[in-house]
C-alpha cells in the first residue's frame, strides 16, 4: 500500500496560532510516514511544509502559478499548474484526506471539493457549515494537531 497522502489547507496569510498548528500537523504527518500535499505557498501551507521537512518527510506543493519561484522552500517537490485557484481541486484530488487549518474562502473551496469527492475532511478551528440554517456535520471537528492527524489517518485506514 502507498503512503497516505494528506492535504493540509489553510490561509496563505495565517495567524501565528494557525501556523503553529499547521507546522505541528506537517511534522506529525511526516512522522506517521504520510505524504503532505498542499497549495505550496505561504501561511498554513508553508508552515505545514516546514514541519514536514523538519521531520524528514515528503511534501508536495501544487502551485497556482506557472513557475516554481513562488513555492515554499520547505517543499520536497512543487508542481506549477498555471490554474490559479482552480488548482485547489488538484490539491484535494491528490489527497486521501484533507485537514483544514483555519482558512479563508480558498480553504472553503477545498473543503467543498473534498466533500463532493467523498474524501474525509478534518477541521482544526476551521469553517462550520450549515444548509438552510441547520448545521451540516460533514467536517470532523478537532481541537489539536494531534487529534487532526490521528482523525485523518484513521479515516484513510
C-alpha atoms as a PDB file:
ATOM      1  CA  UNK A   1       0.000   0.000   0.000  1.00  0.00           C
ATOM      2  CA  UNK A   2       1.203   3.509  -0.748  1.00  0.00           C
ATOM      3  CA  UNK A   3       1.770   6.069   1.971  1.00  0.00           C
ATOM      4  CA  UNK A   4      -1.308   8.034   2.990  1.00  0.00           C
ATOM      5  CA  UNK A   5      -1.494  11.407   1.242  1.00  0.00           C
ATOM      6  CA  UNK A   6      -2.910  14.147   3.471  1.00  0.00           C
ATOM      7  CA  UNK A   7      -3.726  17.601   2.155  1.00  0.00           C
ATOM      8  CA  UNK A   8      -3.245  20.480   4.565  1.00  0.00           C
ATOM      9  CA  UNK A   9      -5.290  23.513   3.577  1.00  0.00           C
ATOM     10  CA  UNK A  10      -5.436  26.953   5.099  1.00  0.00           C
ATOM     11  CA  UNK A  11      -4.862  30.616   4.536  1.00  0.00           C
ATOM     12  CA  UNK A  12      -1.778  31.964   2.816  1.00  0.00           C
ATOM     13  CA  UNK A  13      -1.934  34.777   5.367  1.00  0.00           C
ATOM     14  CA  UNK A  14      -2.456  32.769   8.535  1.00  0.00           C
ATOM     15  CA  UNK A  15      -2.298  33.794  12.166  1.00  0.00           C
ATOM     16  CA  UNK A  16       0.676  32.770  14.294  1.00  0.00           C
ATOM     17  CA  UNK A  17      -1.529  30.191  16.022  1.00  0.00           C
ATOM     18  CA  UNK A  18      -2.693  28.693  12.711  1.00  0.00           C
ATOM     19  CA  UNK A  19       0.902  28.485  11.513  1.00  0.00           C
ATOM     20  CA  UNK A  20       1.964  26.753  14.741  1.00  0.00           C
ATOM     21  CA  UNK A  21      -0.864  24.225  14.363  1.00  0.00           C
ATOM     22  CA  UNK A  22      -0.015  23.662  10.688  1.00  0.00           C
ATOM     23  CA  UNK A  23       3.677  23.143  11.412  1.00  0.00           C
ATOM     24  CA  UNK A  24       2.814  20.511  14.006  1.00  0.00           C
ATOM     25  CA  UNK A  25       0.356  18.863  11.597  1.00  0.00           C
ATOM     26  CA  UNK A  26       3.072  18.678   8.926  1.00  0.00           C
ATOM     27  CA  UNK A  27       5.543  17.172  11.398  1.00  0.00           C
ATOM     28  CA  UNK A  28       3.031  14.570  12.575  1.00  0.00           C
ATOM     29  CA  UNK A  29       2.107  13.574   9.013  1.00  0.00           C
ATOM     30  CA  UNK A  30       5.791  13.002   8.243  1.00  0.00           C
ATOM     31  CA  UNK A  31       6.382  11.062  11.444  1.00  0.00           C
ATOM     32  CA  UNK A  32       3.451   8.804  10.553  1.00  0.00           C
ATOM     33  CA  UNK A  33       5.002   8.055   7.160  1.00  0.00           C
ATOM     34  CA  UNK A  34       2.442  10.111   5.271  1.00  0.00           C
ATOM     35  CA  UNK A  35       2.894  12.445   2.315  1.00  0.00           C
ATOM     36  CA  UNK A  36       1.877  16.077   2.781  1.00  0.00           C
ATOM     37  CA  UNK A  37       0.048  17.744  -0.109  1.00  0.00           C
ATOM     38  CA  UNK A  38      -0.644  21.479  -0.073  1.00  0.00           C
ATOM     39  CA  UNK A  39      -1.038  24.546  -2.248  1.00  0.00           C
ATOM     40  CA  UNK A  40       2.680  25.229  -1.943  1.00  0.00           C
ATOM     41  CA  UNK A  41       2.660  28.903  -0.976  1.00  0.00           C
ATOM     42  CA  UNK A  42       2.905  30.764   2.371  1.00  0.00           C
ATOM     43  CA  UNK A  43       0.979  30.795   5.630  1.00  0.00           C
ATOM     44  CA  UNK A  44      -0.535  27.455   6.631  1.00  0.00           C
ATOM     45  CA  UNK A  45       0.911  25.765   3.531  1.00  0.00           C
ATOM     46  CA  UNK A  46       4.480  26.841   4.235  1.00  0.00           C
ATOM     47  CA  UNK A  47       4.201  26.067   7.940  1.00  0.00           C
ATOM     48  CA  UNK A  48       2.958  22.538   7.214  1.00  0.00           C
ATOM     49  CA  UNK A  49       5.789  22.003   4.709  1.00  0.00           C
ATOM     50  CA  UNK A  50       8.300  23.315   7.259  1.00  0.00           C
ATOM     51  CA  UNK A  51       7.075  20.841   9.890  1.00  0.00           C
ATOM     52  CA  UNK A  52       7.146  18.008   7.384  1.00  0.00           C
ATOM     53  CA  UNK A  53      10.680  18.906   6.298  1.00  0.00           C
ATOM     54  CA  UNK A  54      11.896  19.078   9.918  1.00  0.00           C
ATOM     55  CA  UNK A  55      10.682  15.507  10.445  1.00  0.00           C
ATOM     56  CA  UNK A  56      12.301  14.251   7.233  1.00  0.00           C
ATOM     57  CA  UNK A  57       9.010  13.799   5.389  1.00  0.00           C
ATOM     58  CA  UNK A  58       7.858  14.201   1.808  1.00  0.00           C
ATOM     59  CA  UNK A  59       5.789  17.243   0.831  1.00  0.00           C
ATOM     60  CA  UNK A  60       4.261  18.197  -2.494  1.00  0.00           C
ATOM     61  CA  UNK A  61       3.071  21.693  -3.342  1.00  0.00           C
ATOM     62  CA  UNK A  62       0.566  22.114  -6.157  1.00  0.00           C
ATOM     63  CA  UNK A  63       1.107  25.720  -7.193  1.00  0.00           C
ATOM     64  CA  UNK A  64      -1.424  28.114  -8.715  1.00  0.00           C
ATOM     65  CA  UNK A  65       1.124  29.807 -10.991  1.00  0.00           C
ATOM     66  CA  UNK A  66       3.284  28.713 -13.886  1.00  0.00           C
ATOM     67  CA  UNK A  67       6.628  28.969 -12.065  1.00  0.00           C
ATOM     68  CA  UNK A  68       8.241  27.354  -9.057  1.00  0.00           C
ATOM     69  CA  UNK A  69       9.883  30.527  -7.718  1.00  0.00           C
ATOM     70  CA  UNK A  70       6.845  31.374  -5.522  1.00  0.00           C
ATOM     71  CA  UNK A  71       6.892  27.938  -3.864  1.00  0.00           C
ATOM     72  CA  UNK A  72       7.774  27.422  -0.236  1.00  0.00           C
ATOM     73  CA  UNK A  73      11.455  26.490   0.104  1.00  0.00           C
ATOM     74  CA  UNK A  74      10.412  23.753   2.549  1.00  0.00           C
ATOM     75  CA  UNK A  75       8.661  21.617  -0.076  1.00  0.00           C
ATOM     76  CA  UNK A  76      10.193  18.406  -1.359  1.00  0.00           C
ATOM     77  CA  UNK A  77       8.533  18.898  -4.748  1.00  0.00           C
ATOM     78  CA  UNK A  78       6.489  21.643  -6.370  1.00  0.00           C
ATOM     79  CA  UNK A  79       4.171  21.368  -9.343  1.00  0.00           C
ATOM     80  CA  UNK A  80       3.311  24.593 -11.182  1.00  0.00           C
ATOM     81  CA  UNK A  81      -0.141  24.379 -12.769  1.00  0.00           C
ATOM     82  CA  UNK A  82      -0.975  27.813 -14.177  1.00  0.00           C
ATOM     83  CA  UNK A  83      -4.537  27.179 -12.960  1.00  0.00           C
ATOM     84  CA  UNK A  84      -4.807  29.863 -10.281  1.00  0.00           C
ATOM     85  CA  UNK A  85      -7.290  28.989  -7.545  1.00  0.00           C
ATOM     86  CA  UNK A  86      -8.635  26.121  -9.676  1.00  0.00           C
ATOM     87  CA  UNK A  87      -5.558  24.223  -8.525  1.00  0.00           C
ATOM     88  CA  UNK A  88      -7.452  23.724  -5.231  1.00  0.00           C
ATOM     89  CA  UNK A  89      -9.303  20.871  -6.918  1.00  0.00           C
ATOM     90  CA  UNK A  90      -5.966  19.207  -7.728  1.00  0.00           C
ATOM     91  CA  UNK A  91      -4.724  19.560  -4.142  1.00  0.00           C
ATOM     92  CA  UNK A  92      -7.806  17.721  -2.919  1.00  0.00           C
ATOM     93  CA  UNK A  93      -7.741  15.130  -5.731  1.00  0.00           C
ATOM     94  CA  UNK A  94      -4.151  14.233  -4.856  1.00  0.00           C
ATOM     95  CA  UNK A  95      -5.053  13.539  -1.211  1.00  0.00           C
ATOM     96  CA  UNK A  96      -6.729  10.690   0.637  1.00  0.00           C
ATOM     97  CA  UNK A  97      -7.944  13.060   3.375  1.00  0.00           C
ATOM     98  CA  UNK A  98      -7.944  16.811   3.983  1.00  0.00           C
ATOM     99  CA  UNK A  99      -7.037  18.713   7.122  1.00  0.00           C
ATOM    100  CA  UNK A 100      -8.303  22.305   7.071  1.00  0.00           C
ATOM    101  CA  UNK A 101      -6.462  24.610   9.471  1.00  0.00           C
ATOM    102  CA  UNK A 102      -8.343  27.876   9.965  1.00  0.00           C
ATOM    103  CA  UNK A 103      -8.722  29.276   6.492  1.00  0.00           C
ATOM    104  CA  UNK A 104     -10.488  31.706   4.230  1.00  0.00           C
ATOM    105  CA  UNK A 105     -12.582  31.198   1.087  1.00  0.00           C
ATOM    106  CA  UNK A 106      -9.854  29.232  -0.726  1.00  0.00           C
ATOM    107  CA  UNK A 107      -9.865  26.770   2.157  1.00  0.00           C
ATOM    108  CA  UNK A 108     -13.645  26.635   1.989  1.00  0.00           C
ATOM    109  CA  UNK A 109     -13.411  25.702  -1.699  1.00  0.00           C
ATOM    110  CA  UNK A 110     -11.014  22.863  -0.843  1.00  0.00           C
ATOM    111  CA  UNK A 111     -13.395  21.644   1.867  1.00  0.00           C
ATOM    112  CA  UNK A 112     -16.251  21.703  -0.655  1.00  0.00           C
ATOM    113  CA  UNK A 113     -14.253  19.840  -3.314  1.00  0.00           C
ATOM    114  CA  UNK A 114     -13.242  17.186  -0.778  1.00  0.00           C
ATOM    115  CA  UNK A 115     -16.812  16.694   0.444  1.00  0.00           C
ATOM    116  CA  UNK A 116     -18.088  16.489  -3.150  1.00  0.00           C
ATOM    117  CA  UNK A 117     -15.469  13.799  -3.861  1.00  0.00           C
ATOM    118  CA  UNK A 118     -16.349  11.873  -0.703  1.00  0.00           C
ATOM    119  CA  UNK A 119     -12.977  12.473   0.938  1.00  0.00           C
ATOM    120  CA  UNK A 120     -12.736  12.846   4.708  1.00  0.00           C
ATOM    121  CA  UNK A 121     -12.349  16.430   5.922  1.00  0.00           C
ATOM    122  CA  UNK A 122     -10.819  17.111   9.308  1.00  0.00           C
ATOM    123  CA  UNK A 123     -11.249  20.607  10.697  1.00  0.00           C
ATOM    124  CA  UNK A 124      -8.786  22.259  13.042  1.00  0.00           C
ATOM    125  CA  UNK A 125     -10.533  25.509  14.014  1.00  0.00           C
ATOM    126  CA  UNK A 126     -11.930  25.945  10.517  1.00  0.00           C
ATOM    127  CA  UNK A 127     -15.240  26.613   8.806  1.00  0.00           C
ATOM    128  CA  UNK A 128     -18.556  25.398  10.160  1.00  0.00           C
ATOM    129  CA  UNK A 129     -21.109  24.502   7.521  1.00  0.00           C
ATOM    130  CA  UNK A 130     -24.884  24.995   7.514  1.00  0.00           C
ATOM    131  CA  UNK A 131     -27.615  24.408   4.951  1.00  0.00           C
ATOM    132  CA  UNK A 132     -30.961  26.137   5.300  1.00  0.00           C
ATOM    133  CA  UNK A 133     -29.897  27.364   8.726  1.00  0.00           C
ATOM    134  CA  UNK A 134     -29.195  23.872  10.050  1.00  0.00           C
ATOM    135  CA  UNK A 135     -25.657  22.675  10.829  1.00  0.00           C
ATOM    136  CA  UNK A 136     -24.172  20.167   8.405  1.00  0.00           C
ATOM    137  CA  UNK A 137     -21.885  17.787  10.290  1.00  0.00           C
ATOM    138  CA  UNK A 138     -19.601  16.668   7.480  1.00  0.00           C
ATOM    139  CA  UNK A 139     -16.338  18.018   8.892  1.00  0.00           C
ATOM    140  CA  UNK A 140     -14.706  16.061  11.713  1.00  0.00           C
ATOM    141  CA  UNK A 141     -14.006  18.775  14.290  1.00  0.00           C
ATOM    142  CA  UNK A 142     -10.730  18.619  16.209  1.00  0.00           C
ATOM    143  CA  UNK A 143      -9.004  20.897  18.713  1.00  0.00           C
ATOM    144  CA  UNK A 144      -5.328  19.920  18.398  1.00  0.00           C
ATOM    145  CA  UNK A 145      -2.907  18.971  15.616  1.00  0.00           C
ATOM    146  CA  UNK A 146      -2.538  15.531  17.210  1.00  0.00           C
ATOM    147  CA  UNK A 147      -6.310  14.928  17.059  1.00  0.00           C
ATOM    148  CA  UNK A 148      -6.468  16.205  13.475  1.00  0.00           C
ATOM    149  CA  UNK A 149      -3.711  13.964  12.139  1.00  0.00           C
ATOM    150  CA  UNK A 150      -4.992  10.939  14.058  1.00  0.00           C
ATOM    151  CA  UNK A 151      -8.508  11.520  12.665  1.00  0.00           C
ATOM    152  CA  UNK A 152      -7.175  11.888   9.097  1.00  0.00           C
ATOM    153  CA  UNK A 153      -5.067   8.740   9.268  1.00  0.00           C
ATOM    154  CA  UNK A 154      -7.914   6.771  10.892  1.00  0.00           C
ATOM    155  CA  UNK A 155     -10.295   7.932   8.148  1.00  0.00           C
ATOM    156  CA  UNK A 156      -7.853   6.809   5.456  1.00  0.00           C
ATOM    157  CA  UNK A 157      -7.338   3.410   7.083  1.00  0.00           C
END
